[in-house]
Protein backbone atom coordinates (compact mmCIF):
# COMPACT_ATOMS: atom_id res chain seq x y z
CA MET A 1 43.08 105.41 84.95
CA SER A 2 40.10 106.77 83.00
CA GLU A 3 38.43 108.21 86.10
CA GLN A 4 41.39 110.41 87.00
CA THR A 5 41.41 114.11 86.23
CA LYS A 6 45.17 114.53 86.15
CA PRO A 7 47.57 112.36 84.14
CA VAL A 8 49.62 109.63 85.81
CA ARG A 9 53.22 110.84 85.77
CA ILE A 10 55.67 108.02 84.87
CA MET A 11 59.51 107.97 84.88
CA PHE A 12 61.73 105.26 83.39
CA VAL A 13 65.34 105.10 84.61
CA CYS A 14 68.46 103.42 83.22
CA SER A 15 72.16 104.31 83.33
CA GLY A 16 72.80 106.95 80.73
CA ASN A 17 69.25 107.57 79.41
CA ILE A 18 70.20 106.79 75.80
CA CYS A 19 69.06 103.16 75.24
CA ARG A 20 66.61 101.35 77.52
CA SER A 21 64.75 104.13 79.35
CA PRO A 22 64.17 106.43 76.35
CA LEU A 23 62.85 103.47 74.38
CA ALA A 24 60.41 102.62 77.25
CA HIS A 25 59.49 106.28 77.51
CA ARG A 26 58.59 106.55 73.80
CA MET A 27 57.10 103.04 73.58
CA LEU A 28 54.65 103.73 76.41
CA GLU A 29 53.67 107.03 74.77
CA LYS A 30 53.27 105.27 71.39
CA GLN A 31 51.09 102.49 72.83
CA ALA A 32 48.97 104.95 74.81
CA GLN A 33 48.45 106.99 71.64
CA GLU A 34 47.39 103.88 69.73
CA ARG A 35 44.93 103.01 72.47
CA GLY A 36 43.54 106.53 72.65
CA VAL A 37 44.64 107.15 76.24
CA ALA A 38 47.72 109.36 75.67
CA THR A 39 46.21 112.28 77.57
CA LEU A 40 45.97 110.14 80.69
CA ILE A 41 49.71 109.80 81.13
CA GLU A 42 52.83 111.98 81.21
CA VAL A 43 56.02 110.06 80.54
CA GLU A 44 59.69 110.98 81.02
CA SER A 45 62.93 109.09 81.28
CA SER A 46 66.33 109.69 82.86
CA GLY A 47 69.67 108.12 83.72
CA THR A 48 71.28 107.54 87.08
CA ASP A 49 74.57 108.87 85.64
CA SER A 50 75.33 112.20 83.99
CA TYR A 51 77.75 111.14 81.25
CA HIS A 52 75.17 111.34 78.41
CA VAL A 53 73.12 114.39 79.56
CA GLY A 54 72.01 116.27 76.44
CA ASP A 55 72.86 113.44 74.05
CA GLU A 56 70.38 111.93 71.62
CA ALA A 57 69.15 108.41 72.14
CA ASP A 58 71.66 105.86 70.94
CA ARG A 59 71.54 105.68 67.10
CA ARG A 60 71.31 101.83 67.26
CA MET A 61 68.25 102.02 69.50
CA ARG A 62 66.64 104.62 67.22
CA GLY A 63 67.52 102.37 64.28
CA THR A 64 65.84 99.40 65.93
CA ALA A 65 62.65 101.43 66.46
CA ARG A 66 62.86 102.52 62.83
CA ASN A 67 63.15 98.87 61.76
CA HIS A 68 59.84 98.36 63.54
CA GLY A 69 58.19 101.17 61.64
CA TRP A 70 58.42 104.19 63.93
CA THR A 71 60.86 106.90 64.94
CA PHE A 72 61.60 108.81 68.08
CA SER A 73 63.83 111.59 69.23
CA HIS A 74 65.14 112.13 72.75
CA ARG A 75 67.68 114.11 74.74
CA ALA A 76 69.19 112.42 77.80
CA ARG A 77 68.69 113.87 81.27
CA GLN A 78 69.88 112.75 84.70
CA PHE A 79 67.57 111.38 87.38
CA GLN A 80 67.13 113.84 90.24
CA THR A 81 66.10 113.05 93.87
CA GLU A 82 63.13 115.36 93.39
CA ASP A 83 61.86 112.99 90.70
CA LEU A 84 60.78 110.65 93.49
CA LYS A 85 58.25 113.26 94.60
CA ARG A 86 57.40 114.53 91.12
CA TYR A 87 56.40 111.16 89.51
CA ASP A 88 53.60 108.81 90.44
CA LEU A 89 55.47 105.75 89.16
CA VAL A 90 59.20 105.23 88.65
CA PHE A 91 60.42 102.18 86.78
CA ALA A 92 64.09 101.12 87.13
CA MET A 93 65.38 99.17 84.13
CA ASP A 94 67.62 96.93 86.33
CA ARG A 95 68.42 96.16 89.94
CA GLY A 96 71.43 98.47 89.97
CA HIS A 97 69.20 101.40 88.95
CA LEU A 98 66.70 100.34 91.60
CA ARG A 99 69.45 100.41 94.24
CA GLU A 100 70.62 103.84 93.12
CA ILE A 101 67.06 105.23 93.21
CA SER A 102 66.53 103.71 96.62
CA ARG A 103 69.75 105.23 97.91
CA ARG A 104 68.52 108.70 96.93
CA GLY A 105 65.04 108.35 98.51
CA GLN A 106 64.19 109.72 101.98
CA PRO A 107 62.86 107.03 104.36
CA ASN A 108 59.57 108.77 105.15
CA ASP A 109 58.65 110.25 101.76
CA GLY A 110 56.33 107.45 100.75
CA TRP A 111 58.19 106.84 97.50
CA ARG A 112 58.83 103.07 97.92
CA ALA A 113 55.34 102.05 96.79
CA ARG A 114 55.76 104.07 93.58
CA VAL A 115 59.16 102.60 92.56
CA HIS A 116 59.25 99.34 90.62
CA LEU A 117 61.66 97.18 88.74
CA PHE A 118 60.46 97.45 85.12
CA ARG A 119 60.40 93.73 84.46
CA GLU A 120 58.19 93.04 87.47
CA PHE A 121 55.52 93.57 84.80
CA ASP A 122 57.12 91.37 82.08
CA PRO A 123 55.21 88.12 81.77
CA ASP A 124 58.38 86.45 80.48
CA ALA A 125 60.37 87.36 83.61
CA SER A 126 57.87 86.63 86.34
CA GLY A 127 58.21 84.36 89.36
CA PRO A 128 60.45 84.54 92.42
CA GLU A 129 62.86 82.04 90.92
CA ASN A 130 63.73 84.33 87.97
CA THR A 131 65.55 87.23 89.65
CA ALA A 132 68.33 87.35 87.04
CA GLY A 133 65.71 87.72 84.29
CA ARG A 134 64.26 90.79 85.90
CA ASP A 135 66.92 93.12 84.55
CA VAL A 136 66.52 94.68 81.12
CA PRO A 137 69.92 93.87 79.63
CA ASP A 138 72.10 96.81 78.58
CA PRO A 139 72.60 96.56 74.79
CA TYR A 140 75.18 99.34 74.64
CA TYR A 141 78.32 97.20 74.26
CA GLY A 142 76.71 94.48 72.13
CA GLY A 143 75.45 94.03 68.64
CA PRO A 144 72.08 94.51 66.93
CA GLN A 145 70.64 91.40 68.50
CA GLY A 146 70.88 93.01 71.91
CA PHE A 147 68.98 96.08 70.80
CA GLU A 148 66.31 93.81 69.25
CA GLU A 149 66.01 91.78 72.49
CA VAL A 150 65.59 94.99 74.50
CA TYR A 151 63.00 96.21 72.04
CA ARG A 152 60.93 93.06 72.51
CA ILE A 153 61.19 93.22 76.30
CA VAL A 154 60.22 96.90 76.40
CA GLU A 155 57.33 96.46 73.92
CA ARG A 156 55.59 93.67 75.78
CA THR A 157 56.31 95.04 79.24
CA CYS A 158 54.99 98.53 78.35
CA GLY A 159 51.84 96.84 77.06
CA VAL A 160 51.29 95.13 80.47
CA ILE A 161 52.02 98.39 82.35
CA LEU A 162 49.52 100.23 80.17
CA ASP A 163 46.99 97.41 80.79
CA ALA A 164 47.49 97.84 84.53
CA LEU A 165 47.08 101.60 84.27
CA GLU A 166 43.88 101.26 82.25
CA ALA A 167 42.56 98.65 84.74
CA GLY A 168 43.30 101.00 87.66
CA THR A 169 45.72 98.59 89.39
CA LEU A 170 48.59 101.13 89.04
CA PRO A 171 49.33 103.37 90.86
């Protein structure tokens, strides 16, 4: 990553872009800032659905981040087919998002190698036998413990993604 002249463009995708993907978006930016490599990435997030476009990130997710000592702001946007060409890496937060992204891609556009399931990089969800654990659970309809679980998943997985970027193994 350090040898590149232009930043790696990264997109995180969930359903409404108010819980999981904006947290990953801001977490990766935060970790990159802490490591001194923030200028080497450009990060965005979006949702497969349009029902939250323009909304702030969920107050409970912002509260969870605040409980960990930092704040973020965010306005939801919808994933666009052009994003497959615009971004170097696209991370789907669950298999449903991955299917939706794949449905939108053109067969010969070369996007498949740049699209990943987010938890492919989570050391706690690795191995072919753990397919159910590869989805970042949606905390929206649950309680605070769900938001905390998602926070832990996103924090450690963003760290591994940033490690891979710094090592030059992504993209």
